[in-house]
Amino acid sequence: MQASGISTGKTVTGTDPDYYKNTSYGVAFNVNDSLSISYAEHESEQHFVQPGSNEAINMDVESWQVAYTMGGASIRLMRQDIENQTYSAATTADFEATIVSLGLAF
């Protein structure tokens, strides 16, 4: 588990972000010498200069990874879902990605 905070130093208007509060964790499991699986989750809260005028906005990230290695070859799969990646409730602020990669060593 990890926790952090970032202060922006802004004090101008109620729509300016005042600080960010972040928490995250991840777990990894090596099934055997060839297969590993991992999971990570991150949450970030954006708080404003005038909290009475604006509620905090959350950004959530969830990620899965799987890797299989055989000799000098490895295949990797990553799946990531982000809600409110720009601290916005708009549907365009959500992001999903799936990446499959192949690595070869000579």
PDB file of N, CA and C in Angstrom:
ATOM      1  N   MET A   1       0.855  -1.177   0.000  1.00  0.00           N
ATOM      2  CA  MET A   1       0.000   0.000   0.000  1.00  0.00           C
ATOM      3  C   MET A   1       0.892   1.227   0.000  1.00  0.00           C
ATOM      4  N   GLN A   2       0.515   2.203  -0.785  1.00  0.00           N
ATOM      5  CA  GLN A   2       1.263   3.437  -0.891  1.00  0.00           C
ATOM      6  C   GLN A   2       0.295   4.596  -0.803  1.00  0.00           C
ATOM      7  N   ALA A   3       0.679   5.648  -0.122  1.00  0.00           N
ATOM      8  CA  ALA A   3      -0.138   6.850  -0.031  1.00  0.00           C
ATOM      9  C   ALA A   3       0.754   8.061  -0.247  1.00  0.00           C
ATOM     10  N   SER A   4       0.225   9.059  -0.945  1.00  0.00           N
ATOM     11  CA  SER A   4       0.988  10.279  -1.186  1.00  0.00           C
ATOM     12  C   SER A   4       0.035  11.445  -1.353  1.00  0.00           C
ATOM     13  N   GLY A   5       0.578  12.633  -1.286  1.00  0.00           N
ATOM     14  CA  GLY A   5      -0.201  13.844  -1.493  1.00  0.00           C
ATOM     15  C   GLY A   5       0.642  14.877  -2.213  1.00  0.00           C
ATOM     16  N   ILE A   6      -0.018  15.721  -2.990  1.00  0.00           N
ATOM     17  CA  ILE A   6       0.662  16.767  -3.737  1.00  0.00           C
ATOM     18  C   ILE A   6      -0.096  18.067  -3.512  1.00  0.00           C
ATOM     19  N   SER A   7       0.598  19.089  -3.050  1.00  0.00           N
ATOM     20  CA  SER A   7       0.003  20.410  -2.886  1.00  0.00           C
ATOM     21  C   SER A   7       0.369  21.256  -4.102  1.00  0.00           C
ATOM     22  N   THR A   8      -0.629  21.917  -4.696  1.00  0.00           N
ATOM     23  CA  THR A   8      -0.366  22.725  -5.893  1.00  0.00           C
ATOM     24  C   THR A   8       0.111  24.119  -5.554  1.00  0.00           C
ATOM     25  N   GLY A   9      -0.200  24.602  -4.359  1.00  0.00           N
ATOM     26  CA  GLY A   9       0.180  25.951  -3.969  1.00  0.00           C
ATOM     27  C   GLY A   9      -0.742  27.025  -4.535  1.00  0.00           C
ATOM     28  N   LYS A  10      -1.768  26.633  -5.245  1.00  0.00           N
ATOM     29  CA  LYS A  10      -2.698  27.597  -5.834  1.00  0.00           C
ATOM     30  C   LYS A  10      -3.700  28.063  -4.786  1.00  0.00           C
ATOM     31  N   THR A  11      -4.039  29.336  -4.807  1.00  0.00           N
ATOM     32  CA  THR A  11      -5.011  29.900  -3.866  1.00  0.00           C
ATOM     33  C   THR A  11      -5.925  30.919  -4.529  1.00  0.00           C
ATOM     34  N   VAL A  12      -5.999  30.920  -5.853  1.00  0.00           N
ATOM     35  CA  VAL A  12      -6.674  31.988  -6.584  1.00  0.00           C
ATOM     36  C   VAL A  12      -8.190  31.835  -6.598  1.00  0.00           C
ATOM     37  N   THR A  13      -8.696  30.779  -7.221  1.00  0.00           N
ATOM     38  CA  THR A  13     -10.150  30.641  -7.358  1.00  0.00           C
ATOM     39  C   THR A  13     -10.604  29.277  -6.855  1.00  0.00           C
ATOM     40  N   GLY A  14     -11.899  29.148  -6.689  1.00  0.00           N
ATOM     41  CA  GLY A  14     -12.468  27.905  -6.203  1.00  0.00           C
ATOM     42  C   GLY A  14     -12.348  26.756  -7.182  1.00  0.00           C
ATOM     43  N   THR A  15     -12.118  27.057  -8.463  1.00  0.00           N
ATOM     44  CA  THR A  15     -11.979  26.000  -9.452  1.00  0.00           C
ATOM     45  C   THR A  15     -10.536  25.529  -9.595  1.00  0.00           C
ATOM     46  N   ASP A  16      -9.612  26.176  -8.922  1.00  0.00           N
ATOM     47  CA  ASP A  16      -8.204  25.747  -8.957  1.00  0.00           C
ATOM     48  C   ASP A  16      -8.018  24.537  -8.047  1.00  0.00           C
ATOM     49  N   PRO A  17      -7.268  23.519  -8.499  1.00  0.00           N
ATOM     50  CA  PRO A  17      -6.980  22.388  -7.605  1.00  0.00           C
ATOM     51  C   PRO A  17      -6.029  22.818  -6.489  1.00  0.00           C
ATOM     52  N   ASP A  18      -6.375  22.465  -5.270  1.00  0.00           N
ATOM     53  CA  ASP A  18      -5.563  22.809  -4.097  1.00  0.00           C
ATOM     54  C   ASP A  18      -4.540  21.714  -3.822  1.00  0.00           C
ATOM     55  N   TYR A  19      -5.015  20.455  -3.793  1.00  0.00           N
ATOM     56  CA  TYR A  19      -4.107  19.333  -3.545  1.00  0.00           C
ATOM     57  C   TYR A  19      -4.697  18.043  -4.103  1.00  0.00           C
ATOM     58  N   TYR A  20      -3.823  17.045  -4.225  1.00  0.00           N
ATOM     59  CA  TYR A  20      -4.200  15.709  -4.684  1.00  0.00           C
ATOM     60  C   TYR A  20      -3.841  14.708  -3.589  1.00  0.00           C
ATOM     61  N   LYS A  21      -4.742  13.785  -3.331  1.00  0.00           N
ATOM     62  CA  LYS A  21      -4.525  12.719  -2.350  1.00  0.00           C
ATOM     63  C   LYS A  21      -4.543  11.400  -3.123  1.00  0.00           C
ATOM     64  N   ASN A  22      -3.459  10.625  -3.030  1.00  0.00           N
ATOM     65  CA  ASN A  22      -3.300   9.415  -3.833  1.00  0.00           C
ATOM     66  C   ASN A  22      -3.093   8.190  -2.946  1.00  0.00           C
ATOM     67  N   THR A  23      -3.719   7.089  -3.341  1.00  0.00           N
ATOM     68  CA  THR A  23      -3.468   5.796  -2.706  1.00  0.00           C
ATOM     69  C   THR A  23      -3.357   4.746  -3.808  1.00  0.00           C
ATOM     70  N   SER A  24      -2.482   3.779  -3.595  1.00  0.00           N
ATOM     71  CA  SER A  24      -2.338   2.711  -4.581  1.00  0.00           C
ATOM     72  C   SER A  24      -1.787   1.460  -3.912  1.00  0.00           C
ATOM     73  N   TYR A  25      -2.011   0.352  -4.582  1.00  0.00           N
ATOM     74  CA  TYR A  25      -1.434  -0.909  -4.138  1.00  0.00           C
ATOM     75  C   TYR A  25      -1.300  -1.828  -5.333  1.00  0.00           C
ATOM     76  N   GLY A  26      -0.464  -2.820  -5.194  1.00  0.00           N
ATOM     77  CA  GLY A  26      -0.287  -3.804  -6.245  1.00  0.00           C
ATOM     78  C   GLY A  26       0.150  -5.130  -5.656  1.00  0.00           C
ATOM     79  N   VAL A  27      -0.181  -6.189  -6.342  1.00  0.00           N
ATOM     80  CA  VAL A  27       0.234  -7.531  -5.934  1.00  0.00           C
ATOM     81  C   VAL A  27       0.746  -8.267  -7.166  1.00  0.00           C
ATOM     82  N   ALA A  28       1.738  -9.105  -6.962  1.00  0.00           N
ATOM     83  CA  ALA A  28       2.293  -9.905  -8.048  1.00  0.00           C
ATOM     84  C   ALA A  28       2.467 -11.329  -7.543  1.00  0.00           C
ATOM     85  N   PHE A  29       2.239 -12.278  -8.444  1.00  0.00           N
ATOM     86  CA  PHE A  29       2.344 -13.684  -8.078  1.00  0.00           C
ATOM     87  C   PHE A  29       3.048 -14.427  -9.204  1.00  0.00           C
ATOM     88  N   ASN A  30       4.141 -15.076  -8.869  1.00  0.00           N
ATOM     89  CA  ASN A  30       4.828 -15.934  -9.826  1.00  0.00           C
ATOM     90  C   ASN A  30       4.247 -17.340  -9.699  1.00  0.00           C
ATOM     91  N   VAL A  31       3.456 -17.728 -10.671  1.00  0.00           N
ATOM     92  CA  VAL A  31       2.812 -19.036 -10.655  1.00  0.00           C
ATOM     93  C   VAL A  31       3.864 -20.137 -10.724  1.00  0.00           C
ATOM     94  N   ASN A  32       4.832 -19.955 -11.616  1.00  0.00           N
ATOM     95  CA  ASN A  32       5.979 -20.863 -11.735  1.00  0.00           C
ATOM     96  C   ASN A  32       7.122 -20.077 -12.381  1.00  0.00           C
ATOM     97  N   ASP A  33       8.163 -20.730 -12.829  1.00  0.00           N
ATOM     98  CA  ASP A  33       9.300 -20.022 -13.418  1.00  0.00           C
ATOM     99  C   ASP A  33       8.939 -19.308 -14.718  1.00  0.00           C
ATOM    100  N   SER A  34       7.841 -19.687 -15.340  1.00  0.00           N
ATOM    101  CA  SER A  34       7.490 -19.138 -16.646  1.00  0.00           C
ATOM    102  C   SER A  34       6.326 -18.154 -16.625  1.00  0.00           C
ATOM    103  N   LEU A  35       5.427 -18.257 -15.652  1.00  0.00           N
ATOM    104  CA  LEU A  35       4.189 -17.478 -15.660  1.00  0.00           C
ATOM    105  C   LEU A  35       4.094 -16.562 -14.453  1.00  0.00           C
ATOM    106  N   SER A  36       3.807 -15.297 -14.700  1.00  0.00           N
ATOM    107  CA  SER A  36       3.571 -14.346 -13.607  1.00  0.00           C
ATOM    108  C   SER A  36       2.291 -13.559 -13.883  1.00  0.00           C
ATOM    109  N   ILE A  37       1.605 -13.199 -12.808  1.00  0.00           N
ATOM    110  CA  ILE A  37       0.355 -12.446 -12.872  1.00  0.00           C
ATOM    111  C   ILE A  37       0.455 -11.307 -11.865  1.00  0.00           C
ATOM    112  N   SER A  38       0.008 -10.123 -12.254  1.00  0.00           N
ATOM    113  CA  SER A  38       0.028  -9.005 -11.310  1.00  0.00           C
ATOM    114  C   SER A  38      -1.205  -8.130 -11.497  1.00  0.00           C
ATOM    115  N   TYR A  39      -1.526  -7.396 -10.447  1.00  0.00           N
ATOM    116  CA  TYR A  39      -2.687  -6.521 -10.411  1.00  0.00           C
ATOM    117  C   TYR A  39      -2.302  -5.254  -9.675  1.00  0.00           C
ATOM    118  N   ALA A  40      -2.776  -4.107 -10.142  1.00  0.00           N
ATOM    119  CA  ALA A  40      -2.506  -2.835  -9.465  1.00  0.00           C
ATOM    120  C   ALA A  40      -3.750  -1.957  -9.520  1.00  0.00           C
ATOM    121  N   GLU A  41      -3.928  -1.176  -8.470  1.00  0.00           N
ATOM    122  CA  GLU A  41      -5.040  -0.237  -8.405  1.00  0.00           C
ATOM    123  C   GLU A  41      -4.538   1.083  -7.833  1.00  0.00           C
ATOM    124  N   HIS A  42      -4.978   2.188  -8.425  1.00  0.00           N
ATOM    125  CA  HIS A  42      -4.550   3.523  -8.002  1.00  0.00           C
ATOM    126  C   HIS A  42      -5.782   4.426  -7.959  1.00  0.00           C
ATOM    127  N   GLU A  43      -5.890   5.204  -6.888  1.00  0.00           N
ATOM    128  CA  GLU A  43      -6.972   6.179  -6.775  1.00  0.00           C
ATOM    129  C   GLU A  43      -6.361   7.535  -6.436  1.00  0.00           C
ATOM    130  N   SER A  44      -6.806   8.552  -7.141  1.00  0.00           N
ATOM    131  CA  SER A  44      -6.331   9.906  -6.905  1.00  0.00           C
ATOM    132  C   SER A  44      -7.542  10.812  -6.738  1.00  0.00           C
ATOM    133  N   GLU A  45      -7.527  11.637  -5.689  1.00  0.00           N
ATOM    134  CA  GLU A  45      -8.618  12.588  -5.431  1.00  0.00           C
ATOM    135  C   GLU A  45      -8.079  13.999  -5.652  1.00  0.00           C
ATOM    136  N   GLN A  46      -8.782  14.773  -6.472  1.00  0.00           N
ATOM    137  CA  GLN A  46      -8.424  16.170  -6.701  1.00  0.00           C
ATOM    138  C   GLN A  46      -9.322  17.032  -5.817  1.00  0.00           C
ATOM    139  N   HIS A  47      -8.710  17.818  -4.936  1.00  0.00           N
ATOM    140  CA  HIS A  47      -9.449  18.700  -4.032  1.00  0.00           C
ATOM    141  C   HIS A  47      -9.223  20.150  -4.459  1.00  0.00           C
ATOM    142  N   PHE A  48     -10.219  20.988  -4.243  1.00  0.00           N
ATOM    143  CA  PHE A  48     -10.181  22.353  -4.741  1.00  0.00           C
ATOM    144  C   PHE A  48      -9.901  23.374  -3.645  1.00  0.00           C
ATOM    145  N   VAL A  49      -9.514  24.602  -4.082  1.00  0.00           N
ATOM    146  CA  VAL A  49      -9.191  25.691  -3.167  1.00  0.00           C
ATOM    147  C   VAL A  49     -10.386  26.009  -2.277  1.00  0.00           C
ATOM    148  N   GLN A  50     -11.578  26.040  -2.831  1.00  0.00           N
ATOM    149  CA  GLN A  50     -12.802  26.283  -2.066  1.00  0.00           C
ATOM    150  C   GLN A  50     -13.634  24.999  -2.077  1.00  0.00           C
ATOM    151  N   PRO A  51     -13.413  24.103  -1.108  1.00  0.00           N
ATOM    152  CA  PRO A  51     -14.104  22.810  -1.130  1.00  0.00           C
ATOM    153  C   PRO A  51     -15.618  22.918  -1.020  1.00  0.00           C
ATOM    154  N   GLY A  52     -16.140  23.999  -0.469  1.00  0.00           N
ATOM    155  CA  GLY A  52     -17.587  24.166  -0.377  1.00  0.00           C
ATOM    156  C   GLY A  52     -18.222  24.408  -1.734  1.00  0.00           C
ATOM    157  N   SER A  53     -17.456  24.968  -2.659  1.00  0.00           N
ATOM    158  CA  SER A  53     -17.972  25.268  -3.994  1.00  0.00           C
ATOM    159  C   SER A  53     -17.844  24.081  -4.956  1.00  0.00           C
ATOM    160  N   ASN A  54     -16.834  23.260  -4.743  1.00  0.00           N
ATOM    161  CA  ASN A  54     -16.569  22.134  -5.640  1.00  0.00           C
ATOM    162  C   ASN A  54     -16.250  20.885  -4.829  1.00  0.00           C
ATOM    163  N   GLU A  55     -16.915  19.784  -5.177  1.00  0.00           N
ATOM    164  CA  GLU A  55     -16.613  18.518  -4.519  1.00  0.00           C
ATOM    165  C   GLU A  55     -15.351  17.915  -5.117  1.00  0.00           C
ATOM    166  N   ALA A  56     -14.671  17.093  -4.331  1.00  0.00           N
ATOM    167  CA  ALA A  56     -13.479  16.403  -4.812  1.00  0.00           C
ATOM    168  C   ALA A  56     -13.856  15.470  -5.962  1.00  0.00           C
ATOM    169  N   ILE A  57     -12.936  15.325  -6.921  1.00  0.00           N
ATOM    170  CA  ILE A  57     -13.152  14.459  -8.078  1.00  0.00           C
ATOM    171  C   ILE A  57     -12.157  13.309  -8.005  1.00  0.00           C
ATOM    172  N   ASN A  58     -12.631  12.092  -8.232  1.00  0.00           N
ATOM    173  CA  ASN A  58     -11.776  10.906  -8.183  1.00  0.00           C
ATOM    174  C   ASN A  58     -11.360  10.459  -9.579  1.00  0.00           C
ATOM    175  N   MET A  59     -10.110   9.970  -9.660  1.00  0.00           N
ATOM    176  CA  MET A  59      -9.625   9.261 -10.836  1.00  0.00           C
ATOM    177  C   MET A  59      -9.230   7.877 -10.345  1.00  0.00           C
ATOM    178  N   ASP A  60      -9.713   6.826 -11.022  1.00  0.00           N
ATOM    179  CA  ASP A  60      -9.416   5.456 -10.627  1.00  0.00           C
ATOM    180  C   ASP A  60      -8.744   4.722 -11.774  1.00  0.00           C
ATOM    181  N   VAL A  61      -7.679   3.984 -11.443  1.00  0.00           N
ATOM    182  CA  VAL A  61      -6.948   3.190 -12.434  1.00  0.00           C
ATOM    183  C   VAL A  61      -6.881   1.754 -11.933  1.00  0.00           C
ATOM    184  N   GLU A  62      -7.205   0.821 -12.819  1.00  0.00           N
ATOM    185  CA  GLU A  62      -7.118  -0.603 -12.505  1.00  0.00           C
ATOM    186  C   GLU A  62      -6.335  -1.266 -13.632  1.00  0.00           C
ATOM    187  N   SER A  63      -5.356  -2.107 -13.277  1.00  0.00           N
ATOM    188  CA  SER A  63      -4.497  -2.710 -14.290  1.00  0.00           C
ATOM    189  C   SER A  63      -4.192  -4.167 -13.951  1.00  0.00           C
ATOM    190  N   TRP A  64      -4.272  -5.021 -14.973  1.00  0.00           N
ATOM    191  CA  TRP A  64      -3.913  -6.439 -14.874  1.00  0.00           C
ATOM    192  C   TRP A  64      -2.760  -6.704 -15.830  1.00  0.00           C
ATOM    193  N   GLN A  65      -1.812  -7.547 -15.428  1.00  0.00           N
ATOM    194  CA  GLN A  65      -0.719  -7.949 -16.302  1.00  0.00           C
ATOM    195  C   GLN A  65      -0.493  -9.451 -16.165  1.00  0.00           C
ATOM    196  N   VAL A  66      -0.192 -10.088 -17.297  1.00  0.00           N
ATOM    197  CA  VAL A  66       0.152 -11.506 -17.326  1.00  0.00           C
ATOM    198  C   VAL A  66       1.360 -11.639 -18.245  1.00  0.00           C
ATOM    199  N   ALA A  67       2.353 -12.412 -17.822  1.00  0.00           N
ATOM    200  CA  ALA A  67       3.531 -12.633 -18.663  1.00  0.00           C
ATOM    201  C   ALA A  67       3.900 -14.109 -18.627  1.00  0.00           C
ATOM    202  N   TYR A  68       4.234 -14.625 -19.817  1.00  0.00           N
ATOM    203  CA  TYR A  68       4.672 -16.010 -19.931  1.00  0.00           C
ATOM    204  C   TYR A  68       5.998 -16.019 -20.685  1.00  0.00           C
ATOM    205  N   THR A  69       6.999 -16.676 -20.112  1.00  0.00           N
ATOM    206  CA  THR A  69       8.329 -16.735 -20.711  1.00  0.00           C
ATOM    207  C   THR A  69       8.709 -18.184 -20.959  1.00  0.00           C
ATOM    208  N   MET A  70       9.268 -18.420 -22.153  1.00  0.00           N
ATOM    209  CA  MET A  70       9.764 -19.755 -22.502  1.00  0.00           C
ATOM    210  C   MET A  70      11.076 -19.556 -23.259  1.00  0.00           C
ATOM    211  N   GLY A  71      12.181 -19.910 -22.613  1.00  0.00           N
ATOM    212  CA  GLY A  71      13.487 -19.691 -23.221  1.00  0.00           C
ATOM    213  C   GLY A  71      13.727 -18.212 -23.434  1.00  0.00           C
ATOM    214  N   GLY A  72      14.043 -17.821 -24.660  1.00  0.00           N
ATOM    215  CA  GLY A  72      14.286 -16.416 -24.978  1.00  0.00           C
ATOM    216  C   GLY A  72      13.064 -15.681 -25.478  1.00  0.00           C
ATOM    217  N   ALA A  73      11.895 -16.302 -25.403  1.00  0.00           N
ATOM    218  CA  ALA A  73      10.667 -15.662 -25.878  1.00  0.00           C
ATOM    219  C   ALA A  73       9.724 -15.387 -24.712  1.00  0.00           C
ATOM    220  N   SER A  74       9.058 -14.251 -24.785  1.00  0.00           N
ATOM    221  CA  SER A  74       8.045 -13.949 -23.774  1.00  0.00           C
ATOM    222  C   SER A  74       6.859 -13.286 -24.453  1.00  0.00           C
ATOM    223  N   ILE A  75       5.679 -13.590 -23.943  1.00  0.00           N
ATOM    224  CA  ILE A  75       4.456 -12.950 -24.407  1.00  0.00           C
ATOM    225  C   ILE A  75       3.821 -12.300 -23.186  1.00  0.00           C
ATOM    226  N   ARG A  76       3.387 -11.051 -23.385  1.00  0.00           N
ATOM    227  CA  ARG A  76       2.863 -10.264 -22.262  1.00  0.00           C
ATOM    228  C   ARG A  76       1.509  -9.671 -22.631  1.00  0.00           C
ATOM    229  N   LEU A  77       0.622  -9.622 -21.648  1.00  0.00           N
ATOM    230  CA  LEU A  77      -0.704  -9.052 -21.822  1.00  0.00           C
ATOM    231  C   LEU A  77      -0.932  -8.047 -20.705  1.00  0.00           C
ATOM    232  N   MET A  78      -1.411  -6.864 -21.063  1.00  0.00           N
ATOM    233  CA  MET A  78      -1.726  -5.834 -20.076  1.00  0.00           C
ATOM    234  C   MET A  78      -3.115  -5.286 -20.386  1.00  0.00           C
ATOM    235  N   ARG A  79      -3.939  -5.163 -19.369  1.00  0.00           N
ATOM    236  CA  ARG A  79      -5.281  -4.590 -19.502  1.00  0.00           C
ATOM    237  C   ARG A  79      -5.399  -3.459 -18.484  1.00  0.00           C
ATOM    238  N   GLN A  80      -5.790  -2.274 -18.945  1.00  0.00           N
ATOM    239  CA  GLN A  80      -5.880  -1.118 -18.055  1.00  0.00           C
ATOM    240  C   GLN A  80      -7.198  -0.387 -18.287  1.00  0.00           C
ATOM    241  N   ASP A  81      -7.863  -0.017 -17.201  1.00  0.00           N
ATOM    242  CA  ASP A  81      -9.093   0.769 -17.236  1.00  0.00           C
ATOM    243  C   ASP A  81      -8.890   2.005 -16.377  1.00  0.00           C
ATOM    244  N   ILE A  82      -9.175   3.183 -16.931  1.00  0.00           N
ATOM    245  CA  ILE A  82      -9.044   4.437 -16.192  1.00  0.00           C
ATOM    246  C   ILE A  82     -10.382   5.156 -16.237  1.00  0.00           C
ATOM    247  N   GLU A  83     -10.867   5.549 -15.082  1.00  0.00           N
ATOM    248  CA  GLU A  83     -12.080   6.363 -14.984  1.00  0.00           C
ATOM    249  C   GLU A  83     -11.675   7.781 -14.605  1.00  0.00           C
ATOM    250  N   ASN A  84     -12.160   8.754 -15.354  1.00  0.00           N
ATOM    251  CA  ASN A  84     -11.899  10.178 -15.095  1.00  0.00           C
ATOM    252  C   ASN A  84     -10.414  10.515 -15.165  1.00  0.00           C
ATOM    253  N   GLN A  85      -9.751  10.095 -16.245  1.00  0.00           N
ATOM    254  CA  GLN A  85      -8.308  10.300 -16.346  1.00  0.00           C
ATOM    255  C   GLN A  85      -7.920  11.779 -16.342  1.00  0.00           C
ATOM    256  N   THR A  86      -8.838  12.676 -16.665  1.00  0.00           N
ATOM    257  CA  THR A  86      -8.561  14.110 -16.626  1.00  0.00           C
ATOM    258  C   THR A  86      -9.304  14.792 -15.472  1.00  0.00           C
ATOM    259  N   TYR A  87      -9.709  14.003 -14.486  1.00  0.00           N
ATOM    260  CA  TYR A  87     -10.493  14.495 -13.350  1.00  0.00           C
ATOM    261  C   TYR A  87     -11.757  15.177 -13.843  1.00  0.00           C
ATOM    262  N   SER A  88     -12.427  14.519 -14.779  1.00  0.00           N
ATOM    263  CA  SER A  88     -13.646  15.040 -15.366  1.00  0.00           C
ATOM    264  C   SER A  88     -14.685  13.926 -15.393  1.00  0.00           C
ATOM    265  N   ALA A  89     -15.931  14.279 -15.206  1.00  0.00           N
ATOM    266  CA  ALA A  89     -17.002  13.286 -15.232  1.00  0.00           C
ATOM    267  C   ALA A  89     -17.474  12.987 -16.656  1.00  0.00           C
ATOM    268  N   ALA A  90     -16.913  13.679 -17.650  1.00  0.00           N
ATOM    269  CA  ALA A  90     -17.309  13.439 -19.042  1.00  0.00           C
ATOM    270  C   ALA A  90     -16.941  12.013 -19.454  1.00  0.00           C
ATOM    271  N   THR A  91     -17.762  11.427 -20.304  1.00  0.00           N
ATOM    272  CA  THR A  91     -17.491  10.047 -20.732  1.00  0.00           C
ATOM    273  C   THR A  91     -16.207   9.955 -21.538  1.00  0.00           C
ATOM    274  N   THR A  92     -15.758  11.061 -22.148  1.00  0.00           N
ATOM    275  CA  THR A  92     -14.504  11.049 -22.905  1.00  0.00           C
ATOM    276  C   THR A  92     -13.297  10.995 -21.975  1.00  0.00           C
ATOM    277  N   ALA A  93     -13.506  11.163 -20.679  1.00  0.00           N
ATOM    278  CA  ALA A  93     -12.405  11.120 -19.721  1.00  0.00           C
ATOM    279  C   ALA A  93     -12.046   9.693 -19.326  1.00  0.00           C
ATOM    280  N   ASP A  94     -12.853   8.717 -19.743  1.00  0.00           N
ATOM    281  CA  ASP A  94     -12.566   7.315 -19.439  1.00  0.00           C
ATOM    282  C   ASP A  94     -11.659   6.737 -20.519  1.00  0.00           C
ATOM    283  N   PHE A  95     -10.822   5.774 -20.127  1.00  0.00           N
ATOM    284  CA  PHE A  95      -9.846   5.201 -21.047  1.00  0.00           C
ATOM    285  C   PHE A  95      -9.695   3.718 -20.763  1.00  0.00           C
ATOM    286  N   GLU A  96      -9.655   2.928 -21.808  1.00  0.00           N
ATOM    287  CA  GLU A  96      -9.419   1.489 -21.680  1.00  0.00           C
ATOM    288  C   GLU A  96      -8.366   1.096 -22.702  1.00  0.00           C
ATOM    289  N   ALA A  97      -7.460   0.197 -22.306  1.00  0.00           N
ATOM    290  CA  ALA A  97      -6.428  -0.260 -23.228  1.00  0.00           C
ATOM    291  C   ALA A  97      -6.085  -1.717 -22.944  1.00  0.00           C
ATOM    292  N   THR A  98      -5.833  -2.449 -24.004  1.00  0.00           N
ATOM    293  CA  THR A  98      -5.325  -3.806 -23.907  1.00  0.00           C
ATOM    294  C   THR A  98      -4.105  -3.886 -24.817  1.00  0.00           C
ATOM    295  N   ILE A  99      -2.992  -4.322 -24.249  1.00  0.00           N
ATOM    296  CA  ILE A  99      -1.744  -4.403 -25.025  1.00  0.00           C
ATOM    297  C   ILE A  99      -1.220  -5.830 -24.934  1.00  0.00           C
ATOM    298  N   VAL A 100      -0.914  -6.384 -26.085  1.00  0.00           N
ATOM    299  CA  VAL A 100      -0.269  -7.697 -26.167  1.00  0.00           C
ATOM    300  C   VAL A 100       1.088  -7.478 -26.828  1.00  0.00           C
ATOM    301  N   SER A 101       2.148  -7.988 -26.217  1.00  0.00           N
ATOM    302  CA  SER A 101       3.476  -7.822 -26.795  1.00  0.00           C
ATOM    303  C   SER A 101       4.239  -9.136 -26.769  1.00  0.00           C
ATOM    304  N   LEU A 102       5.154  -9.248 -27.715  1.00  0.00           N
ATOM    305  CA  LEU A 102       5.998 -10.423 -27.840  1.00  0.00           C
ATOM    306  C   LEU A 102       7.441  -9.972 -27.803  1.00  0.00           C
ATOM    307  N   GLY A 103       8.233 -10.598 -26.948  1.00  0.00           N
ATOM    308  CA  GLY A 103       9.653 -10.267 -26.864  1.00  0.00           C
ATOM    309  C   GLY A 103      10.491 -11.487 -27.224  1.00  0.00           C
ATOM    310  N   LEU A 104      11.527 -11.244 -28.031  1.00  0.00           N
ATOM    311  CA  LEU A 104      12.430 -12.310 -28.432  1.00  0.00           C
ATOM    312  C   LEU A 104      13.863 -11.907 -28.118  1.00  0.00           C
ATOM    313  N   ALA A 105      14.617 -12.800 -27.491  1.00  0.00           N
ATOM    314  CA  ALA A 105      16.022 -12.551 -27.183  1.00  0.00           C
ATOM    315  C   ALA A 105      16.876 -13.459 -28.065  1.00  0.00           C
ATOM    316  N   PHE A 106      17.942 -12.905 -28.579  1.00  0.00           N
ATOM    317  CA  PHE A 106      18.839 -13.702 -29.443  1.00  0.00           C
ATOM    318  C   PHE A 106      20.178 -13.881 -28.775  1.00  0.00           C
TER     319      PHE A 106
END
